[in-house]
């Protein structure tokens, strides 16, 4: 449990550094689809 928590916390930091904003998909900025879909909705 603490190992998985630390791993997920690290992924959140990496995703935040790339401009991510999704708790459940922290690496979404590297896929290139998150910003596009949000912009399309707006």
ModelCIF file with pLDDT and N, C-alpha, C, O atoms, coordinates in Angstrom:
data_MODEL
#
_entry.id   MODEL 
#
_entity.id                         1 
_entity.type                       polymer 
_entity.pdbx_number_of_molecules   1 
#
_entity_poly.entity_id                      1 
_entity_poly.type                           'polypeptide(L)' 
_entity_poly.nstd_linkage                   no 
_entity_poly.nstd_monomer                   no 
_entity_poly.pdbx_seq_one_letter_code       
;(UNK)(UNK)(UNK)(UNK)(UNK)(UNK)(UNK)(UNK)(UNK)(UNK)(UNK)(UNK)(UNK)(UNK)(UNK)(UNK)
(UNK)(UNK)(UNK)(UNK)(UNK)(UNK)(UNK)(UNK)(UNK)(UNK)(UNK)(UNK)(UNK)(UNK)(UNK)(UNK)
(UNK)(UNK)(UNK)(UNK)(UNK)(UNK)(UNK)(UNK)(UNK)(UNK)
;
_entity_poly.pdbx_seq_one_letter_code_can   XXXXXXXXXXXXXXXXXXXXXXXXXXXXXXXXXXXXXXXXXX 
_entity_poly.pdbx_strand_id                 A 
#
loop_
_entity_poly_seq.entity_id 
_entity_poly_seq.num 
_entity_poly_seq.mon_id 
_entity_poly_seq.hetero 
1 1  UNK n 
1 2  UNK n 
1 3  UNK n 
1 4  UNK n 
1 5  UNK n 
1 6  UNK n 
1 7  UNK n 
1 8  UNK n 
1 9  UNK n 
1 10 UNK n 
1 11 UNK n 
1 12 UNK n 
1 13 UNK n 
1 14 UNK n 
1 15 UNK n 
1 16 UNK n 
1 17 UNK n 
1 18 UNK n 
1 19 UNK n 
1 20 UNK n 
1 21 UNK n 
1 22 UNK n 
1 23 UNK n 
1 24 UNK n 
1 25 UNK n 
1 26 UNK n 
1 27 UNK n 
1 28 UNK n 
1 29 UNK n 
1 30 UNK n 
1 31 UNK n 
1 32 UNK n 
1 33 UNK n 
1 34 UNK n 
1 35 UNK n 
1 36 UNK n 
1 37 UNK n 
1 38 UNK n 
1 39 UNK n 
1 40 UNK n 
1 41 UNK n 
1 42 UNK n 
#
_struct_asym.id          A 
_struct_asym.entity_id   1 
#
loop_
_ma_qa_metric.id 
_ma_qa_metric.mode 
_ma_qa_metric.name 
_ma_qa_metric.software_group_id 
_ma_qa_metric.type 
1 global pLDDT . pLDDT 
2 local  pLDDT . pLDDT 
#
_ma_qa_metric_global.metric_id      1 
_ma_qa_metric_global.metric_value   77.81 
_ma_qa_metric_global.model_id       1 
_ma_qa_metric_global.ordinal_id     1 
#
loop_
_ma_qa_metric_local.label_asym_id 
_ma_qa_metric_local.label_comp_id 
_ma_qa_metric_local.label_seq_id 
_ma_qa_metric_local.metric_id 
_ma_qa_metric_local.metric_value 
_ma_qa_metric_local.model_id 
_ma_qa_metric_local.ordinal_id 
A UNK 1  2 89.00 1 1  
A UNK 2  2 90.00 1 2  
A UNK 3  2 91.00 1 3  
A UNK 4  2 92.00 1 4  
A UNK 5  2 91.00 1 5  
A UNK 6  2 92.00 1 6  
A UNK 7  2 93.00 1 7  
A UNK 8  2 94.00 1 8  
A UNK 9  2 93.00 1 9  
A UNK 10 2 93.00 1 10 
A UNK 11 2 92.00 1 11 
A UNK 12 2 92.00 1 12 
A UNK 13 2 93.00 1 13 
A UNK 14 2 92.00 1 14 
A UNK 15 2 90.00 1 15 
A UNK 16 2 90.00 1 16 
A UNK 17 2 90.00 1 17 
A UNK 18 2 87.00 1 18 
A UNK 19 2 83.00 1 19 
A UNK 20 2 81.00 1 20 
A UNK 21 2 76.00 1 21 
A UNK 22 2 77.00 1 22 
A UNK 23 2 80.00 1 23 
A UNK 24 2 79.00 1 24 
A UNK 25 2 82.00 1 25 
A UNK 26 2 86.00 1 26 
A UNK 27 2 85.00 1 27 
A UNK 28 2 77.00 1 28 
A UNK 29 2 77.00 1 29 
A UNK 30 2 78.00 1 30 
A UNK 31 2 69.00 1 31 
A UNK 32 2 56.00 1 32 
A UNK 33 2 49.00 1 33 
A UNK 34 2 46.00 1 34 
A UNK 35 2 43.00 1 35 
A UNK 36 2 45.00 1 36 
A UNK 37 2 52.00 1 37 
A UNK 38 2 52.00 1 38 
A UNK 39 2 52.00 1 39 
A UNK 40 2 60.00 1 40 
A UNK 41 2 67.00 1 41 
A UNK 42 2 72.00 1 42 
#
loop_
_atom_site.group_PDB 
_atom_site.id 
_atom_site.type_symbol 
_atom_site.label_atom_id 
_atom_site.label_alt_id 
_atom_site.label_comp_id 
_atom_site.label_asym_id 
_atom_site.label_entity_id 
_atom_site.label_seq_id 
_atom_site.pdbx_PDB_ins_code 
_atom_site.Cartn_x 
_atom_site.Cartn_y 
_atom_site.Cartn_z 
_atom_site.occupancy 
_atom_site.B_iso_or_equiv 
_atom_site.pdbx_formal_charge 
_atom_site.auth_seq_id 
_atom_site.auth_comp_id 
_atom_site.auth_asym_id 
_atom_site.auth_atom_id 
_atom_site.pdbx_PDB_model_num 
ATOM 1   N N  . UNK A 1 1  ? 0.823   -1.219 0.000   1.00 89.00 ? 1  UNK A N  1 
ATOM 2   C CA . UNK A 1 1  ? 0.000   0.000  0.000   1.00 89.00 ? 1  UNK A CA 1 
ATOM 3   C C  . UNK A 1 1  ? 0.854   1.264  0.000   1.00 89.00 ? 1  UNK A C  1 
ATOM 4   O O  . UNK A 1 1  ? 0.656   2.114  -0.869  1.00 89.00 ? 1  UNK A O  1 
ATOM 5   N N  . UNK A 1 2  ? 1.805   1.433  0.943   1.00 90.00 ? 2  UNK A N  1 
ATOM 6   C CA . UNK A 1 2  ? 2.617   2.657  0.882   1.00 90.00 ? 2  UNK A CA 1 
ATOM 7   C C  . UNK A 1 2  ? 3.492   2.733  -0.363  1.00 90.00 ? 2  UNK A C  1 
ATOM 8   O O  . UNK A 1 2  ? 3.766   3.822  -0.869  1.00 90.00 ? 2  UNK A O  1 
ATOM 9   N N  . UNK A 1 3  ? 3.939   1.558  -0.865  1.00 91.00 ? 3  UNK A N  1 
ATOM 10  C CA . UNK A 1 3  ? 4.749   1.582  -2.091  1.00 91.00 ? 3  UNK A CA 1 
ATOM 11  C C  . UNK A 1 3  ? 3.937   2.089  -3.276  1.00 91.00 ? 3  UNK A C  1 
ATOM 12  O O  . UNK A 1 3  ? 4.414   2.912  -4.057  1.00 91.00 ? 3  UNK A O  1 
ATOM 13  N N  . UNK A 1 4  ? 2.708   1.595  -3.406  1.00 92.00 ? 4  UNK A N  1 
ATOM 14  C CA . UNK A 1 4  ? 1.858   2.068  -4.501  1.00 92.00 ? 4  UNK A CA 1 
ATOM 15  C C  . UNK A 1 4  ? 1.501   3.544  -4.318  1.00 92.00 ? 4  UNK A C  1 
ATOM 16  O O  . UNK A 1 4  ? 1.441   4.297  -5.289  1.00 92.00 ? 4  UNK A O  1 
ATOM 17  N N  . UNK A 1 5  ? 1.267   3.949  -3.078  1.00 91.00 ? 5  UNK A N  1 
ATOM 18  C CA . UNK A 1 5  ? 0.969   5.356  -2.834  1.00 91.00 ? 5  UNK A CA 1 
ATOM 19  C C  . UNK A 1 5  ? 2.121   6.258  -3.226  1.00 91.00 ? 5  UNK A C  1 
ATOM 20  O O  . UNK A 1 5  ? 1.915   7.306  -3.839  1.00 91.00 ? 5  UNK A O  1 
ATOM 21  N N  . UNK A 1 6  ? 3.347   5.852  -2.871  1.00 92.00 ? 6  UNK A N  1 
ATOM 22  C CA . UNK A 1 6  ? 4.517   6.650  -3.243  1.00 92.00 ? 6  UNK A CA 1 
ATOM 23  C C  . UNK A 1 6  ? 4.699   6.684  -4.761  1.00 92.00 ? 6  UNK A C  1 
ATOM 24  O O  . UNK A 1 6  ? 5.036   7.723  -5.329  1.00 92.00 ? 6  UNK A O  1 
ATOM 25  N N  . UNK A 1 7  ? 4.473   5.532  -5.420  1.00 93.00 ? 7  UNK A N  1 
ATOM 26  C CA . UNK A 1 7  ? 4.593   5.483  -6.878  1.00 93.00 ? 7  UNK A CA 1 
ATOM 27  C C  . UNK A 1 7  ? 3.590   6.418  -7.540  1.00 93.00 ? 7  UNK A C  1 
ATOM 28  O O  . UNK A 1 7  ? 3.940   7.170  -8.450  1.00 93.00 ? 7  UNK A O  1 
ATOM 29  N N  . UNK A 1 8  ? 2.332   6.369  -7.080  1.00 94.00 ? 8  UNK A N  1 
ATOM 30  C CA . UNK A 1 8  ? 1.313   7.225  -7.697  1.00 94.00 ? 8  UNK A CA 1 
ATOM 31  C C  . UNK A 1 8  ? 1.604   8.705  -7.398  1.00 94.00 ? 8  UNK A C  1 
ATOM 32  O O  . UNK A 1 8  ? 1.386   9.568  -8.248  1.00 94.00 ? 8  UNK A O  1 
ATOM 33  N N  . UNK A 1 9  ? 2.096   8.985  -6.190  1.00 93.00 ? 9  UNK A N  1 
ATOM 34  C CA . UNK A 1 9  ? 2.464   10.363 -5.884  1.00 93.00 ? 9  UNK A CA 1 
ATOM 35  C C  . UNK A 1 9  ? 3.561   10.863 -6.810  1.00 93.00 ? 9  UNK A C  1 
ATOM 36  O O  . UNK A 1 9  ? 3.533   12.016 -7.240  1.00 93.00 ? 9  UNK A O  1 
ATOM 37  N N  . UNK A 1 10 ? 4.543   9.992  -7.127  1.00 93.00 ? 10 UNK A N  1 
ATOM 38  C CA . UNK A 1 10 ? 5.577   10.388 -8.075  1.00 93.00 ? 10 UNK A CA 1 
ATOM 39  C C  . UNK A 1 10 ? 5.019   10.656 -9.460  1.00 93.00 ? 10 UNK A C  1 
ATOM 40  O O  . UNK A 1 10 ? 5.451   11.591 -10.134 1.00 93.00 ? 10 UNK A O  1 
ATOM 41  N N  . UNK A 1 11 ? 4.054   9.835  -9.895  1.00 92.00 ? 11 UNK A N  1 
ATOM 42  C CA . UNK A 1 11 ? 3.440   10.070 -11.196 1.00 92.00 ? 11 UNK A CA 1 
ATOM 43  C C  . UNK A 1 11 ? 2.684   11.407 -11.214 1.00 92.00 ? 11 UNK A C  1 
ATOM 44  O O  . UNK A 1 11 ? 2.684   12.115 -12.222 1.00 92.00 ? 11 UNK A O  1 
ATOM 45  N N  . UNK A 1 12 ? 2.046   11.740 -10.095 1.00 92.00 ? 12 UNK A N  1 
ATOM 46  C CA . UNK A 1 12 ? 1.352   13.026 -10.018 1.00 92.00 ? 12 UNK A CA 1 
ATOM 47  C C  . UNK A 1 12 ? 2.336   14.185 -10.153 1.00 92.00 ? 12 UNK A C  1 
ATOM 48  O O  . UNK A 1 12 ? 2.035   15.177 -10.817 1.00 92.00 ? 12 UNK A O  1 
ATOM 49  N N  . UNK A 1 13 ? 3.504   14.068 -9.533  1.00 93.00 ? 13 UNK A N  1 
ATOM 50  C CA . UNK A 1 13 ? 4.505   15.130 -9.648  1.00 93.00 ? 13 UNK A CA 1 
ATOM 51  C C  . UNK A 1 13 ? 5.007   15.257 -11.085 1.00 93.00 ? 13 UNK A C  1 
ATOM 52  O O  . UNK A 1 13 ? 5.175   16.365 -11.594 1.00 93.00 ? 13 UNK A O  1 
ATOM 53  N N  . UNK A 1 14 ? 5.243   14.126 -11.731 1.00 92.00 ? 14 UNK A N  1 
ATOM 54  C CA . UNK A 1 14 ? 5.701   14.161 -13.123 1.00 92.00 ? 14 UNK A CA 1 
ATOM 55  C C  . UNK A 1 14 ? 4.630   14.773 -14.022 1.00 92.00 ? 14 UNK A C  1 
ATOM 56  O O  . UNK A 1 14 ? 4.930   15.617 -14.867 1.00 92.00 ? 14 UNK A O  1 
ATOM 57  N N  . UNK A 1 15 ? 3.366   14.340 -13.833 1.00 90.00 ? 15 UNK A N  1 
ATOM 58  C CA . UNK A 1 15 ? 2.287   14.900 -14.634 1.00 90.00 ? 15 UNK A CA 1 
ATOM 59  C C  . UNK A 1 15 ? 2.102   16.379 -14.396 1.00 90.00 ? 15 UNK A C  1 
ATOM 60  O O  . UNK A 1 15 ? 1.835   17.128 -15.336 1.00 90.00 ? 15 UNK A O  1 
ATOM 61  N N  . UNK A 1 16 ? 2.242   16.821 -13.137 1.00 90.00 ? 16 UNK A N  1 
ATOM 62  C CA . UNK A 1 16 ? 2.107   18.248 -12.842 1.00 90.00 ? 16 UNK A CA 1 
ATOM 63  C C  . UNK A 1 16 ? 3.208   19.050 -13.513 1.00 90.00 ? 16 UNK A C  1 
ATOM 64  O O  . UNK A 1 16 ? 2.960   20.149 -14.009 1.00 90.00 ? 16 UNK A O  1 
ATOM 65  N N  . UNK A 1 17 ? 4.432   18.508 -13.536 1.00 90.00 ? 17 UNK A N  1 
ATOM 66  C CA . UNK A 1 17 ? 5.537   19.206 -14.186 1.00 90.00 ? 17 UNK A CA 1 
ATOM 67  C C  . UNK A 1 17 ? 5.287   19.385 -15.681 1.00 90.00 ? 17 UNK A C  1 
ATOM 68  O O  . UNK A 1 17 ? 5.781   20.338 -16.284 1.00 90.00 ? 17 UNK A O  1 
ATOM 69  N N  . UNK A 1 18 ? 4.518   18.466 -16.284 1.00 87.00 ? 18 UNK A N  1 
ATOM 70  C CA . UNK A 1 18 ? 4.197   18.552 -17.712 1.00 87.00 ? 18 UNK A CA 1 
ATOM 71  C C  . UNK A 1 18 ? 2.919   19.353 -17.979 1.00 87.00 ? 18 UNK A C  1 
ATOM 72  O O  . UNK A 1 18 ? 2.477   19.460 -19.123 1.00 87.00 ? 18 UNK A O  1 
ATOM 73  N N  . UNK A 1 19 ? 2.322   19.919 -16.910 1.00 83.00 ? 19 UNK A N  1 
ATOM 74  C CA . UNK A 1 19 ? 1.108   20.720 -17.090 1.00 83.00 ? 19 UNK A CA 1 
ATOM 75  C C  . UNK A 1 19 ? -0.176  19.942 -16.953 1.00 83.00 ? 19 UNK A C  1 
ATOM 76  O O  . UNK A 1 19 ? -1.237  20.432 -17.340 1.00 83.00 ? 19 UNK A O  1 
ATOM 77  N N  . UNK A 1 20 ? -0.108  18.719 -16.401 1.00 81.00 ? 20 UNK A N  1 
ATOM 78  C CA . UNK A 1 20 ? -1.314  17.912 -16.243 1.00 81.00 ? 20 UNK A CA 1 
ATOM 79  C C  . UNK A 1 20 ? -2.203  18.415 -15.124 1.00 81.00 ? 20 UNK A C  1 
ATOM 80  O O  . UNK A 1 20 ? -1.775  19.183 -14.263 1.00 81.00 ? 20 UNK A O  1 
ATOM 81  N N  . UNK A 1 21 ? -3.454  17.965 -15.153 1.00 76.00 ? 21 UNK A N  1 
ATOM 82  C CA . UNK A 1 21 ? -4.401  18.415 -14.131 1.00 76.00 ? 21 UNK A CA 1 
ATOM 83  C C  . UNK A 1 21 ? -5.380  17.319 -13.724 1.00 76.00 ? 21 UNK A C  1 
ATOM 84  O O  . UNK A 1 21 ? -6.352  17.598 -13.023 1.00 76.00 ? 21 UNK A O  1 
ATOM 85  N N  . UNK A 1 22 ? -5.142  16.076 -14.151 1.00 77.00 ? 22 UNK A N  1 
ATOM 86  C CA . UNK A 1 22 ? -6.075  14.995 -13.887 1.00 77.00 ? 22 UNK A CA 1 
ATOM 87  C C  . UNK A 1 22 ? -5.477  14.049 -12.854 1.00 77.00 ? 22 UNK A C  1 
ATOM 88  O O  . UNK A 1 22 ? -4.415  13.469 -13.077 1.00 77.00 ? 22 UNK A O  1 
ATOM 89  N N  . UNK A 1 23 ? -6.170  13.893 -11.712 1.00 80.00 ? 23 UNK A N  1 
ATOM 90  C CA . UNK A 1 23 ? -5.684  13.047 -10.634 1.00 80.00 ? 23 UNK A CA 1 
ATOM 91  C C  . UNK A 1 23 ? -5.579  11.590 -11.058 1.00 80.00 ? 23 UNK A C  1 
ATOM 92  O O  . UNK A 1 23 ? -4.670  10.886 -10.618 1.00 80.00 ? 23 UNK A O  1 
ATOM 93  N N  . UNK A 1 24 ? -6.498  11.122 -11.908 1.00 79.00 ? 24 UNK A N  1 
ATOM 94  C CA . UNK A 1 24 ? -6.544  9.713  -12.294 1.00 79.00 ? 24 UNK A CA 1 
ATOM 95  C C  . UNK A 1 24 ? -5.798  9.438  -13.595 1.00 79.00 ? 24 UNK A C  1 
ATOM 96  O O  . UNK A 1 24 ? -5.544  8.278  -13.921 1.00 79.00 ? 24 UNK A O  1 
ATOM 97  N N  . UNK A 1 25 ? -5.450  10.464 -14.332 1.00 82.00 ? 25 UNK A N  1 
ATOM 98  C CA . UNK A 1 25 ? -4.665  10.316 -15.548 1.00 82.00 ? 25 UNK A CA 1 
ATOM 99  C C  . UNK A 1 25 ? -3.527  11.342 -15.539 1.00 82.00 ? 25 UNK A C  1 
ATOM 100 O O  . UNK A 1 25 ? -3.503  12.249 -16.371 1.00 82.00 ? 25 UNK A O  1 
ATOM 101 N N  . UNK A 1 26 ? -2.594  11.204 -14.609 1.00 86.00 ? 26 UNK A N  1 
ATOM 102 C CA . UNK A 1 26 ? -1.562  12.242 -14.458 1.00 86.00 ? 26 UNK A CA 1 
ATOM 103 C C  . UNK A 1 26 ? -0.628  12.377 -15.655 1.00 86.00 ? 26 UNK A C  1 
ATOM 104 O O  . UNK A 1 26 ? -0.067  13.448 -15.885 1.00 86.00 ? 26 UNK A O  1 
ATOM 105 N N  . UNK A 1 27 ? -0.459  11.303 -16.417 1.00 85.00 ? 27 UNK A N  1 
ATOM 106 C CA . UNK A 1 27 ? 0.454   11.352 -17.563 1.00 85.00 ? 27 UNK A CA 1 
ATOM 107 C C  . UNK A 1 27 ? -0.261  11.690 -18.858 1.00 85.00 ? 27 UNK A C  1 
ATOM 108 O O  . UNK A 1 27 ? 0.292   11.501 -19.941 1.00 85.00 ? 27 UNK A O  1 
ATOM 109 N N  . UNK A 1 28 ? -1.477  12.185 -18.757 1.00 77.00 ? 28 UNK A N  1 
ATOM 110 C CA . UNK A 1 28 ? -2.256  12.506 -19.958 1.00 77.00 ? 28 UNK A CA 1 
ATOM 111 C C  . UNK A 1 28 ? -1.577  13.537 -20.853 1.00 77.00 ? 28 UNK A C  1 
ATOM 112 O O  . UNK A 1 28 ? -1.716  13.441 -22.073 1.00 77.00 ? 28 UNK A O  1 
ATOM 113 N N  . UNK A 1 29 ? -0.842  14.532 -20.312 1.00 77.00 ? 29 UNK A N  1 
ATOM 114 C CA . UNK A 1 29 ? -0.178  15.483 -21.219 1.00 77.00 ? 29 UNK A CA 1 
ATOM 115 C C  . UNK A 1 29 ? 0.777   14.833 -22.202 1.00 77.00 ? 29 UNK A C  1 
ATOM 116 O O  . UNK A 1 29 ? 0.965   15.342 -23.307 1.00 77.00 ? 29 UNK A O  1 
ATOM 117 N N  . UNK A 1 30 ? 1.388   13.709 -21.817 1.00 78.00 ? 30 UNK A N  1 
ATOM 118 C CA . UNK A 1 30 ? 2.317   13.041 -22.723 1.00 78.00 ? 30 UNK A CA 1 
ATOM 119 C C  . UNK A 1 30 ? 1.586   12.329 -23.852 1.00 78.00 ? 30 UNK A C  1 
ATOM 120 O O  . UNK A 1 30 ? 2.193   12.017 -24.877 1.00 78.00 ? 30 UNK A O  1 
ATOM 121 N N  . UNK A 1 31 ? 0.280   12.063 -23.680 1.00 69.00 ? 31 UNK A N  1 
ATOM 122 C CA . UNK A 1 31 ? -0.504  11.447 -24.754 1.00 69.00 ? 31 UNK A CA 1 
ATOM 123 C C  . UNK A 1 31 ? -0.971  12.473 -25.762 1.00 69.00 ? 31 UNK A C  1 
ATOM 124 O O  . UNK A 1 31 ? -1.312  12.117 -26.890 1.00 69.00 ? 31 UNK A O  1 
ATOM 125 N N  . UNK A 1 32 ? -0.996  13.760 -25.377 1.00 56.00 ? 32 UNK A N  1 
ATOM 126 C CA . UNK A 1 32 ? -1.361  14.826 -26.307 1.00 56.00 ? 32 UNK A CA 1 
ATOM 127 C C  . UNK A 1 32 ? -2.820  14.962 -26.571 1.00 56.00 ? 32 UNK A C  1 
ATOM 128 O O  . UNK A 1 32 ? -3.197  15.694 -27.486 1.00 56.00 ? 32 UNK A O  1 
ATOM 129 N N  . UNK A 1 33 ? -3.703  14.279 -25.802 1.00 49.00 ? 33 UNK A N  1 
ATOM 130 C CA . UNK A 1 33 ? -5.136  14.325 -26.091 1.00 49.00 ? 33 UNK A CA 1 
ATOM 131 C C  . UNK A 1 33 ? -5.913  15.150 -25.096 1.00 49.00 ? 33 UNK A C  1 
ATOM 132 O O  . UNK A 1 33 ? -7.011  15.613 -25.403 1.00 49.00 ? 33 UNK A O  1 
ATOM 133 N N  . UNK A 1 34 ? -5.358  15.350 -23.888 1.00 46.00 ? 34 UNK A N  1 
ATOM 134 C CA . UNK A 1 34 ? -6.130  16.030 -22.855 1.00 46.00 ? 34 UNK A CA 1 
ATOM 135 C C  . UNK A 1 34 ? -6.421  17.465 -23.202 1.00 46.00 ? 34 UNK A C  1 
ATOM 136 O O  . UNK A 1 34 ? -7.562  17.917 -23.099 1.00 46.00 ? 34 UNK A O  1 
ATOM 137 N N  . UNK A 1 35 ? -5.361  18.213 -23.627 1.00 43.00 ? 35 UNK A N  1 
ATOM 138 C CA . UNK A 1 35 ? -5.554  19.625 -23.919 1.00 43.00 ? 35 UNK A CA 1 
ATOM 139 C C  . UNK A 1 35 ? -6.465  19.803 -25.122 1.00 43.00 ? 35 UNK A C  1 
ATOM 140 O O  . UNK A 1 35 ? -7.294  20.713 -25.154 1.00 43.00 ? 35 UNK A O  1 
ATOM 141 N N  . UNK A 1 36 ? -6.309  18.928 -26.114 1.00 45.00 ? 36 UNK A N  1 
ATOM 142 C CA . UNK A 1 36 ? -7.129  19.073 -27.305 1.00 45.00 ? 36 UNK A CA 1 
ATOM 143 C C  . UNK A 1 36 ? -8.600  18.869 -27.002 1.00 45.00 ? 36 UNK A C  1 
ATOM 144 O O  . UNK A 1 36 ? -9.441  19.635 -27.472 1.00 45.00 ? 36 UNK A O  1 
ATOM 145 N N  . UNK A 1 37 ? -8.926  17.837 -26.217 1.00 52.00 ? 37 UNK A N  1 
ATOM 146 C CA . UNK A 1 37 ? -10.330 17.573 -25.934 1.00 52.00 ? 37 UNK A CA 1 
ATOM 147 C C  . UNK A 1 37 ? -10.940 18.686 -25.095 1.00 52.00 ? 37 UNK A C  1 
ATOM 148 O O  . UNK A 1 37 ? -12.088 19.073 -25.316 1.00 52.00 ? 37 UNK A O  1 
ATOM 149 N N  . UNK A 1 38 ? -10.167 19.212 -24.118 1.00 52.00 ? 38 UNK A N  1 
ATOM 150 C CA . UNK A 1 38 ? -10.684 20.307 -23.301 1.00 52.00 ? 38 UNK A CA 1 
ATOM 151 C C  . UNK A 1 38 ? -10.918 21.544 -24.150 1.00 52.00 ? 38 UNK A C  1 
ATOM 152 O O  . UNK A 1 38 ? -11.929 22.231 -23.998 1.00 52.00 ? 38 UNK A O  1 
ATOM 153 N N  . UNK A 1 39 ? -9.972  21.825 -25.050 1.00 52.00 ? 39 UNK A N  1 
ATOM 154 C CA . UNK A 1 39 ? -10.145 22.990 -25.910 1.00 52.00 ? 39 UNK A CA 1 
ATOM 155 C C  . UNK A 1 39 ? -11.332 22.818 -26.846 1.00 52.00 ? 39 UNK A C  1 
ATOM 156 O O  . UNK A 1 39 ? -12.049 23.777 -27.131 1.00 52.00 ? 39 UNK A O  1 
ATOM 157 N N  . UNK A 1 40 ? -11.537 21.596 -27.323 1.00 60.00 ? 40 UNK A N  1 
ATOM 158 C CA . UNK A 1 40 ? -12.675 21.344 -28.210 1.00 60.00 ? 40 UNK A CA 1 
ATOM 159 C C  . UNK A 1 40 ? -13.987 21.554 -27.474 1.00 60.00 ? 40 UNK A C  1 
ATOM 160 O O  . UNK A 1 40 ? -14.932 22.109 -28.034 1.00 60.00 ? 40 UNK A O  1 
ATOM 161 N N  . UNK A 1 41 ? -14.055 21.111 -26.212 1.00 67.00 ? 41 UNK A N  1 
ATOM 162 C CA . UNK A 1 41 ? -15.274 21.305 -25.437 1.00 67.00 ? 41 UNK A CA 1 
ATOM 163 C C  . UNK A 1 41 ? -15.529 22.781 -25.187 1.00 67.00 ? 41 UNK A C  1 
ATOM 164 O O  . UNK A 1 41 ? -16.670 23.235 -25.266 1.00 67.00 ? 41 UNK A O  1 
ATOM 165 N N  . UNK A 1 42 ? -14.467 23.541 -24.884 1.00 72.00 ? 42 UNK A N  1 
ATOM 166 C CA . UNK A 1 42 ? -14.635 24.975 -24.625 1.00 72.00 ? 42 UNK A CA 1 
ATOM 167 C C  . UNK A 1 42 ? -15.072 25.707 -25.888 1.00 72.00 ? 42 UNK A C  1 
ATOM 168 O O  . UNK A 1 42 ? -15.263 26.923 -25.862 1.00 72.00 ? 42 UNK A O  1 
#
